[in-house]
Protein backbone atom coordinates (compact mmCIF):
# COMPACT_ATOMS: atom_id res chain seq x y z
CA MET A 1 0.00 0.00 0.00
CA TYR A 2 1.35 3.41 -0.91
CA ALA A 3 0.14 6.99 -0.73
CA VAL A 4 1.04 10.33 -2.27
CA ILE A 5 1.14 13.12 0.31
CA LYS A 6 1.73 16.85 0.07
CA VAL A 7 4.17 18.39 2.56
CA GLY A 8 5.69 21.85 2.28
CA GLY A 9 4.48 22.39 -1.29
CA LYS A 10 6.06 19.16 -2.55
CA GLN A 11 4.58 15.73 -3.21
CA TYR A 12 6.06 12.50 -1.87
CA ARG A 13 5.19 8.87 -2.69
CA VAL A 14 5.41 6.96 0.58
CA SER A 15 4.66 3.54 1.99
CA GLU A 16 4.96 2.17 5.53
CA GLY A 17 8.57 2.03 6.72
CA ASP A 18 9.88 4.67 4.29
CA GLU A 19 12.16 7.45 5.51
CA ILE A 20 11.74 10.81 3.77
CA PHE A 21 13.38 14.22 4.03
CA VAL A 22 10.86 17.09 4.03
CA GLU A 23 11.02 20.84 4.59
CA LYS A 24 11.64 21.69 8.24
CA LEU A 25 8.60 21.12 10.46
CA ASN A 26 7.98 22.52 13.94
CA ALA A 27 8.28 19.15 15.66
CA ASN A 28 10.78 17.60 18.05
CA VAL A 29 12.52 14.25 17.70
CA ASN A 30 10.23 11.23 18.39
CA ASP A 31 7.08 13.33 17.90
CA VAL A 32 4.25 11.77 15.88
CA VAL A 33 3.20 13.89 12.88
CA THR A 34 -0.02 13.40 10.93
CA PHE A 35 -0.39 14.40 7.30
CA GLY A 36 -3.97 15.00 6.19
CA GLU A 37 -3.27 16.19 2.65
CA VAL A 38 -3.31 12.79 0.92
CA LEU A 39 -3.60 13.11 -2.85
CA MET A 40 -3.68 9.42 -3.76
CA LEU A 41 -4.01 6.05 -2.02
CA ASP A 42 -3.09 3.07 -4.21
CA SER A 43 -5.46 3.59 -7.17
CA LYS A 44 -7.92 6.02 -5.51
CA VAL A 45 -7.32 9.63 -6.56
CA GLY A 46 -8.73 12.59 -4.65
CA SER A 47 -10.00 15.85 -5.99
CA PRO A 48 -7.81 17.46 -4.68
CA TYR A 49 -7.50 15.43 -1.43
CA LEU A 50 -8.95 12.16 -0.17
CA SER A 51 -11.25 12.43 2.83
CA ASN A 52 -10.84 10.20 5.91
CA VAL A 53 -7.30 9.23 4.91
CA THR A 54 -4.24 10.18 6.98
CA VAL A 55 -0.59 9.25 7.03
CA GLU A 56 1.33 9.14 10.32
CA GLY A 57 5.04 9.37 10.81
CA THR A 58 7.68 9.71 13.52
CA VAL A 59 10.28 12.50 13.45
CA LEU A 60 13.77 10.98 13.43
CA LYS A 61 15.96 14.04 13.02
CA ASN A 62 16.01 17.80 12.42
CA GLY A 63 19.08 19.13 10.65
CA LYS A 64 20.64 20.95 7.75
CA ALA A 65 21.51 19.51 4.35
CA LYS A 66 24.86 19.86 2.61
CA LYS A 67 25.83 23.32 1.43
CA ILE A 68 24.39 24.34 -1.93
CA ARG A 69 26.73 26.47 -4.03
CA ILE A 70 25.22 29.13 -6.27
CA PHE A 71 27.53 30.67 -8.83
CA LYS A 72 26.47 33.69 -10.86
CA TYR A 73 28.56 34.77 -13.83
CA LYS A 74 28.06 37.44 -16.44
CA ASN A 75 30.00 36.95 -19.64
CA LYS A 76 32.72 39.49 -20.50
CA SER A 77 32.40 41.47 -17.28
CA ARG A 78 34.72 39.73 -14.85
CA SER A 79 33.91 42.05 -11.95
CA ASN A 80 30.42 40.56 -11.53
CA ARG A 81 31.37 37.05 -10.45
CA LYS A 82 29.40 36.09 -7.42
CA THR A 83 29.35 32.95 -5.26
CA GLN A 84 26.60 32.36 -2.75
CA GLY A 85 25.17 29.38 -0.96
CA HIS A 86 23.03 28.13 1.88
CA ARG A 87 22.20 25.01 3.87
CA GLN A 88 18.55 24.01 3.62
CA PRO A 89 16.96 22.89 6.93
CA TYR A 90 15.10 19.57 6.82
CA THR A 91 13.17 17.09 8.94
CA LYS A 92 13.70 13.34 8.51
CA ILE A 93 10.50 11.32 9.01
CA ARG A 94 9.79 7.57 9.11
CA ILE A 95 6.29 6.69 7.89
CA THR A 96 4.68 4.39 10.46
CA LYS A 97 1.03 4.07 9.42
CA ILE A 98 -1.30 4.77 6.51
CA ASN A 99 -4.94 5.03 7.66
CA GLY A 100 -7.54 4.67 4.98
């Protein structure tokens, strides 16, 4: 059994036991999080969401991803080289139950 859920503006295909990295959530480690925005469950498709279907997960870790390097370059004007970057915060979740 699998489901497609929407978290932080992105869609994830999950099944029980999967570990996913999502945008940072306001939850502590070992908290149980419930996702109500389920777009699809096996072959049932919602419009836009399925009712009475939830996905539960346990927060494993909050952290930051590897540094992303952004390099901007304008041709023939060497003074405008620019290097930037950031580390995107994330939450690692293990899917424990799909209710539906």
